[in-house]
């Protein structure tokens, strides 16, 4: 599964990292979230069943 990478320009400390990771990981559809402070990014991996739901919704929208 390909993770989603997002740029977070205002991250600057370990506390920010912890808060972002725990907040994102508390979402039901998220498998994991990993923040890289130096790169100012967060890598988010969605649960497989959510990917399937998104694919189904997209297929229905275009057919």
PDB file of N, CA and C in Angstrom:
ATOM      1  N   UNK A   1       0.838  -1.171   0.000  1.00  0.00           N
ATOM      2  CA  UNK A   1       0.000   0.000   0.000  1.00  0.00           C
ATOM      3  C   UNK A   1       0.894   1.249   0.000  1.00  0.00           C
ATOM      4  N   UNK A   2       0.593   2.185  -0.859  1.00  0.00           N
ATOM      5  CA  UNK A   2       1.381   3.404  -0.966  1.00  0.00           C
ATOM      6  C   UNK A   2       0.927   4.416   0.081  1.00  0.00           C
ATOM      7  N   UNK A   3       1.855   4.904   0.882  1.00  0.00           N
ATOM      8  CA  UNK A   3       1.482   5.902   1.888  1.00  0.00           C
ATOM      9  C   UNK A   3       1.235   7.272   1.266  1.00  0.00           C
ATOM     10  N   UNK A   4       0.540   8.084   2.001  1.00  0.00           N
ATOM     11  CA  UNK A   4       0.300   9.478   1.627  1.00  0.00           C
ATOM     12  C   UNK A   4       1.334  10.316   2.354  1.00  0.00           C
ATOM     13  N   UNK A   5       2.015  11.204   1.638  1.00  0.00           N
ATOM     14  CA  UNK A   5       3.009  12.084   2.249  1.00  0.00           C
ATOM     15  C   UNK A   5       2.520  13.519   2.179  1.00  0.00           C
ATOM     16  N   UNK A   6       2.531  14.181   3.318  1.00  0.00           N
ATOM     17  CA  UNK A   6       2.096  15.576   3.389  1.00  0.00           C
ATOM     18  C   UNK A   6       3.193  16.441   3.988  1.00  0.00           C
ATOM     19  N   UNK A   7       3.312  17.641   3.477  1.00  0.00           N
ATOM     20  CA  UNK A   7       4.273  18.617   3.986  1.00  0.00           C
ATOM     21  C   UNK A   7       3.634  19.365   5.145  1.00  0.00           C
ATOM     22  N   UNK A   8       4.376  19.513   6.241  1.00  0.00           N
ATOM     23  CA  UNK A   8       3.894  20.234   7.420  1.00  0.00           C
ATOM     24  C   UNK A   8       4.904  21.343   7.730  1.00  0.00           C
ATOM     25  N   UNK A   9       4.698  22.532   7.204  1.00  0.00           N
ATOM     26  CA  UNK A   9       5.710  23.583   7.324  1.00  0.00           C
ATOM     27  C   UNK A   9       5.966  24.080   8.749  1.00  0.00           C
ATOM     28  N   UNK A  10       4.997  23.965   9.637  1.00  0.00           N
ATOM     29  CA  UNK A  10       5.146  24.563  10.974  1.00  0.00           C
ATOM     30  C   UNK A  10       5.643  23.618  12.050  1.00  0.00           C
ATOM     31  N   UNK A  11       5.957  22.385  11.706  1.00  0.00           N
ATOM     32  CA  UNK A  11       6.446  21.453  12.726  1.00  0.00           C
ATOM     33  C   UNK A  11       7.868  21.831  13.122  1.00  0.00           C
ATOM     34  N   UNK A  12       8.155  21.767  14.443  1.00  0.00           N
ATOM     35  CA  UNK A  12       9.480  22.191  14.868  1.00  0.00           C
ATOM     36  C   UNK A  12      10.035  21.442  16.078  1.00  0.00           C
ATOM     37  N   UNK A  13       9.254  20.520  16.671  1.00  0.00           N
ATOM     38  CA  UNK A  13       9.768  19.867  17.869  1.00  0.00           C
ATOM     39  C   UNK A  13       9.160  18.475  18.057  1.00  0.00           C
ATOM     40  N   UNK A  14       9.714  17.752  19.005  1.00  0.00           N
ATOM     41  CA  UNK A  14       9.251  16.395  19.291  1.00  0.00           C
ATOM     42  C   UNK A  14       7.818  16.387  19.816  1.00  0.00           C
ATOM     43  N   UNK A  15       7.434  17.427  20.510  1.00  0.00           N
ATOM     44  CA  UNK A  15       6.059  17.515  21.002  1.00  0.00           C
ATOM     45  C   UNK A  15       5.072  17.628  19.845  1.00  0.00           C
ATOM     46  N   UNK A  16       5.418  18.437  18.853  1.00  0.00           N
ATOM     47  CA  UNK A  16       4.586  18.552  17.646  1.00  0.00           C
ATOM     48  C   UNK A  16       4.467  17.187  16.978  1.00  0.00           C
ATOM     49  N   UNK A  17       5.598  16.505  16.847  1.00  0.00           N
ATOM     50  CA  UNK A  17       5.640  15.181  16.215  1.00  0.00           C
ATOM     51  C   UNK A  17       4.690  14.233  16.919  1.00  0.00           C
ATOM     52  N   UNK A  18       4.797  14.163  18.227  1.00  0.00           N
ATOM     53  CA  UNK A  18       3.960  13.270  19.014  1.00  0.00           C
ATOM     54  C   UNK A  18       2.480  13.613  18.881  1.00  0.00           C
ATOM     55  N   UNK A  19       2.155  14.901  18.966  1.00  0.00           N
ATOM     56  CA  UNK A  19       0.758  15.339  18.852  1.00  0.00           C
ATOM     57  C   UNK A  19       0.168  15.006  17.489  1.00  0.00           C
ATOM     58  N   UNK A  20       0.930  15.249  16.434  1.00  0.00           N
ATOM     59  CA  UNK A  20       0.445  14.981  15.078  1.00  0.00           C
ATOM     60  C   UNK A  20       0.234  13.488  14.877  1.00  0.00           C
ATOM     61  N   UNK A  21       1.229  12.682  15.252  1.00  0.00           N
ATOM     62  CA  UNK A  21       1.117  11.233  15.071  1.00  0.00           C
ATOM     63  C   UNK A  21      -0.069  10.658  15.848  1.00  0.00           C
ATOM     64  N   UNK A  22      -0.208  11.039  17.098  1.00  0.00           N
ATOM     65  CA  UNK A  22      -1.297  10.470  17.904  1.00  0.00           C
ATOM     66  C   UNK A  22      -2.662  10.936  17.419  1.00  0.00           C
ATOM     67  N   UNK A  23      -2.767  12.176  16.980  1.00  0.00           N
ATOM     68  CA  UNK A  23      -4.042  12.686  16.481  1.00  0.00           C
ATOM     69  C   UNK A  23      -4.453  11.976  15.199  1.00  0.00           C
ATOM     70  N   UNK A  24      -3.524  11.854  14.267  1.00  0.00           N
ATOM     71  CA  UNK A  24      -3.837  11.194  12.999  1.00  0.00           C
ATOM     72  C   UNK A  24      -4.123   9.714  13.221  1.00  0.00           C
ATOM     73  N   UNK A  25      -3.336   9.061  14.063  1.00  0.00           N
ATOM     74  CA  UNK A  25      -3.533   7.633  14.305  1.00  0.00           C
ATOM     75  C   UNK A  25      -4.825   7.333  15.063  1.00  0.00           C
ATOM     76  N   UNK A  26      -5.416   8.338  15.680  1.00  0.00           N
ATOM     77  CA  UNK A  26      -6.685   8.127  16.380  1.00  0.00           C
ATOM     78  C   UNK A  26      -7.869   8.023  15.409  1.00  0.00           C
ATOM     79  N   UNK A  27      -7.641   8.395  14.155  1.00  0.00           N
ATOM     80  CA  UNK A  27      -8.694   8.287  13.146  1.00  0.00           C
ATOM     81  C   UNK A  27      -8.896   6.827  12.765  1.00  0.00           C
ATOM     82  N   UNK A  28     -10.150   6.412  12.667  1.00  0.00           N
ATOM     83  CA  UNK A  28     -10.474   5.010  12.411  1.00  0.00           C
ATOM     84  C   UNK A  28      -9.886   4.455  11.126  1.00  0.00           C
ATOM     85  N   UNK A  29      -9.736   5.285  10.122  1.00  0.00           N
ATOM     86  CA  UNK A  29      -9.299   4.805   8.811  1.00  0.00           C
ATOM     87  C   UNK A  29      -7.788   4.840   8.616  1.00  0.00           C
ATOM     88  N   UNK A  30      -7.046   5.247   9.646  1.00  0.00           N
ATOM     89  CA  UNK A  30      -5.587   5.365   9.538  1.00  0.00           C
ATOM     90  C   UNK A  30      -4.909   4.174  10.209  1.00  0.00           C
ATOM     91  N   UNK A  31      -3.990   3.558   9.488  1.00  0.00           N
ATOM     92  CA  UNK A  31      -3.203   2.454  10.034  1.00  0.00           C
ATOM     93  C   UNK A  31      -2.009   2.998  10.809  1.00  0.00           C
ATOM     94  N   UNK A  32      -1.304   3.993  10.214  1.00  0.00           N
ATOM     95  CA  UNK A  32      -0.135   4.555  10.888  1.00  0.00           C
ATOM     96  C   UNK A  32       0.151   5.963  10.377  1.00  0.00           C
ATOM     97  N   UNK A  33       0.861   6.714  11.201  1.00  0.00           N
ATOM     98  CA  UNK A  33       1.320   8.055  10.836  1.00  0.00           C
ATOM     99  C   UNK A  33       2.714   8.245  11.405  1.00  0.00           C
ATOM    100  N   UNK A  34       3.630   8.677  10.544  1.00  0.00           N
ATOM    101  CA  UNK A  34       5.012   8.879  10.969  1.00  0.00           C
ATOM    102  C   UNK A  34       5.475  10.258  10.534  1.00  0.00           C
ATOM    103  N   UNK A  35       5.876  11.064  11.503  1.00  0.00           N
ATOM    104  CA  UNK A  35       6.332  12.423  11.229  1.00  0.00           C
ATOM    105  C   UNK A  35       7.857  12.445  11.151  1.00  0.00           C
ATOM    106  N   UNK A  36       8.383  13.168  10.170  1.00  0.00           N
ATOM    107  CA  UNK A  36       9.812  13.425  10.047  1.00  0.00           C
ATOM    108  C   UNK A  36      10.009  14.917  10.273  1.00  0.00           C
ATOM    109  N   UNK A  37      10.560  15.267  11.419  1.00  0.00           N
ATOM    110  CA  UNK A  37      10.709  16.678  11.783  1.00  0.00           C
ATOM    111  C   UNK A  37      11.655  17.402  10.829  1.00  0.00           C
ATOM    112  N   UNK A  38      12.771  16.781  10.480  1.00  0.00           N
ATOM    113  CA  UNK A  38      13.750  17.440   9.611  1.00  0.00           C
ATOM    114  C   UNK A  38      13.198  17.737   8.225  1.00  0.00           C
ATOM    115  N   UNK A  39      12.441  16.805   7.685  1.00  0.00           N
ATOM    116  CA  UNK A  39      11.850  17.004   6.353  1.00  0.00           C
ATOM    117  C   UNK A  39      10.518  17.754   6.407  1.00  0.00           C
ATOM    118  N   UNK A  40       9.990  17.880   7.627  1.00  0.00           N
ATOM    119  CA  UNK A  40       8.690  18.538   7.836  1.00  0.00           C
ATOM    120  C   UNK A  40       7.580  17.837   7.049  1.00  0.00           C
ATOM    121  N   UNK A  41       7.549  16.512   7.212  1.00  0.00           N
ATOM    122  CA  UNK A  41       6.545  15.719   6.518  1.00  0.00           C
ATOM    123  C   UNK A  41       5.879  14.743   7.486  1.00  0.00           C
ATOM    124  N   UNK A  42       4.708  14.291   7.088  1.00  0.00           N
ATOM    125  CA  UNK A  42       4.050  13.176   7.767  1.00  0.00           C
ATOM    126  C   UNK A  42       3.684  12.156   6.698  1.00  0.00           C
ATOM    127  N   UNK A  43       3.966  10.907   6.998  1.00  0.00           N
ATOM    128  CA  UNK A  43       3.630   9.810   6.099  1.00  0.00           C
ATOM    129  C   UNK A  43       2.464   9.058   6.742  1.00  0.00           C
ATOM    130  N   UNK A  44       1.349   8.981   6.009  1.00  0.00           N
ATOM    131  CA  UNK A  44       0.129   8.368   6.527  1.00  0.00           C
ATOM    132  C   UNK A  44      -0.204   7.138   5.693  1.00  0.00           C
ATOM    133  N   UNK A  45      -0.463   6.040   6.390  1.00  0.00           N
ATOM    134  CA  UNK A  45      -0.897   4.818   5.726  1.00  0.00           C
ATOM    135  C   UNK A  45      -2.324   4.527   6.160  1.00  0.00           C
ATOM    136  N   UNK A  46      -3.204   4.371   5.166  1.00  0.00           N
ATOM    137  CA  UNK A  46      -4.602   4.075   5.439  1.00  0.00           C
ATOM    138  C   UNK A  46      -4.803   2.573   5.591  1.00  0.00           C
ATOM    139  N   UNK A  47      -5.833   2.188   6.341  1.00  0.00           N
ATOM    140  CA  UNK A  47      -6.185   0.777   6.463  1.00  0.00           C
ATOM    141  C   UNK A  47      -6.693   0.269   5.120  1.00  0.00           C
ATOM    142  N   UNK A  48      -6.388  -0.973   4.806  1.00  0.00           N
ATOM    143  CA  UNK A  48      -6.725  -1.547   3.506  1.00  0.00           C
ATOM    144  C   UNK A  48      -8.215  -1.470   3.214  1.00  0.00           C
ATOM    145  N   UNK A  49      -9.054  -1.729   4.194  1.00  0.00           N
ATOM    146  CA  UNK A  49     -10.493  -1.698   3.940  1.00  0.00           C
ATOM    147  C   UNK A  49     -10.971  -0.301   3.546  1.00  0.00           C
ATOM    148  N   UNK A  50     -10.292   0.722   4.006  1.00  0.00           N
ATOM    149  CA  UNK A  50     -10.648   2.082   3.622  1.00  0.00           C
ATOM    150  C   UNK A  50     -10.252   2.360   2.178  1.00  0.00           C
ATOM    151  N   UNK A  51      -9.134   1.816   1.763  1.00  0.00           N
ATOM    152  CA  UNK A  51      -8.703   1.949   0.366  1.00  0.00           C
ATOM    153  C   UNK A  51      -9.747   1.318  -0.550  1.00  0.00           C
ATOM    154  N   UNK A  52     -10.227   0.140  -0.160  1.00  0.00           N
ATOM    155  CA  UNK A  52     -11.241  -0.547  -0.964  1.00  0.00           C
ATOM    156  C   UNK A  52     -12.525   0.278  -1.039  1.00  0.00           C
ATOM    157  N   UNK A  53     -12.911   0.896   0.057  1.00  0.00           N
ATOM    158  CA  UNK A  53     -14.110   1.740   0.073  1.00  0.00           C
ATOM    159  C   UNK A  53     -13.940   2.941  -0.848  1.00  0.00           C
ATOM    160  N   UNK A  54     -12.777   3.563  -0.801  1.00  0.00           N
ATOM    161  CA  UNK A  54     -12.499   4.719  -1.666  1.00  0.00           C
ATOM    162  C   UNK A  54     -12.542   4.295  -3.132  1.00  0.00           C
ATOM    163  N   UNK A  55     -11.943   3.148  -3.446  1.00  0.00           N
ATOM    164  CA  UNK A  55     -11.964   2.652  -4.829  1.00  0.00           C
ATOM    165  C   UNK A  55     -13.389   2.399  -5.297  1.00  0.00           C
ATOM    166  N   UNK A  56     -14.205   1.800  -4.440  1.00  0.00           N
ATOM    167  CA  UNK A  56     -15.602   1.526  -4.767  1.00  0.00           C
ATOM    168  C   UNK A  56     -16.357   2.835  -5.042  1.00  0.00           C
ATOM    169  N   UNK A  57     -16.163   3.822  -4.202  1.00  0.00           N
ATOM    170  CA  UNK A  57     -16.829   5.123  -4.370  1.00  0.00           C
ATOM    171  C   UNK A  57     -16.405   5.770  -5.686  1.00  0.00           C
ATOM    172  N   UNK A  58     -15.129   5.703  -6.000  1.00  0.00           N
ATOM    173  CA  UNK A  58     -14.630   6.296  -7.253  1.00  0.00           C
ATOM    174  C   UNK A  58     -15.222   5.562  -8.452  1.00  0.00           C
ATOM    175  N   UNK A  59     -15.234   4.233  -8.383  1.00  0.00           N
ATOM    176  CA  UNK A  59     -15.814   3.450  -9.483  1.00  0.00           C
ATOM    177  C   UNK A  59     -17.273   3.807  -9.702  1.00  0.00           C
ATOM    178  N   UNK A  60     -18.025   3.957  -8.646  1.00  0.00           N
ATOM    179  CA  UNK A  60     -19.443   4.317  -8.759  1.00  0.00           C
ATOM    180  C   UNK A  60     -19.620   5.728  -9.324  1.00  0.00           C
ATOM    181  N   UNK A  61     -18.698   6.612  -8.982  1.00  0.00           N
ATOM    182  CA  UNK A  61     -18.800   8.002  -9.446  1.00  0.00           C
ATOM    183  C   UNK A  61     -18.544   8.136 -10.941  1.00  0.00           C
ATOM    184  N   UNK A  62     -17.762   7.220 -11.516  1.00  0.00           N
ATOM    185  CA  UNK A  62     -17.412   7.357 -12.926  1.00  0.00           C
ATOM    186  C   UNK A  62     -18.171   6.400 -13.837  1.00  0.00           C
ATOM    187  N   UNK A  63     -19.047   5.583 -13.266  1.00  0.00           N
ATOM    188  CA  UNK A  63     -19.817   4.654 -14.119  1.00  0.00           C
ATOM    189  C   UNK A  63     -21.274   5.018 -14.144  1.00  0.00           C
TER     190      UNK A  63
END
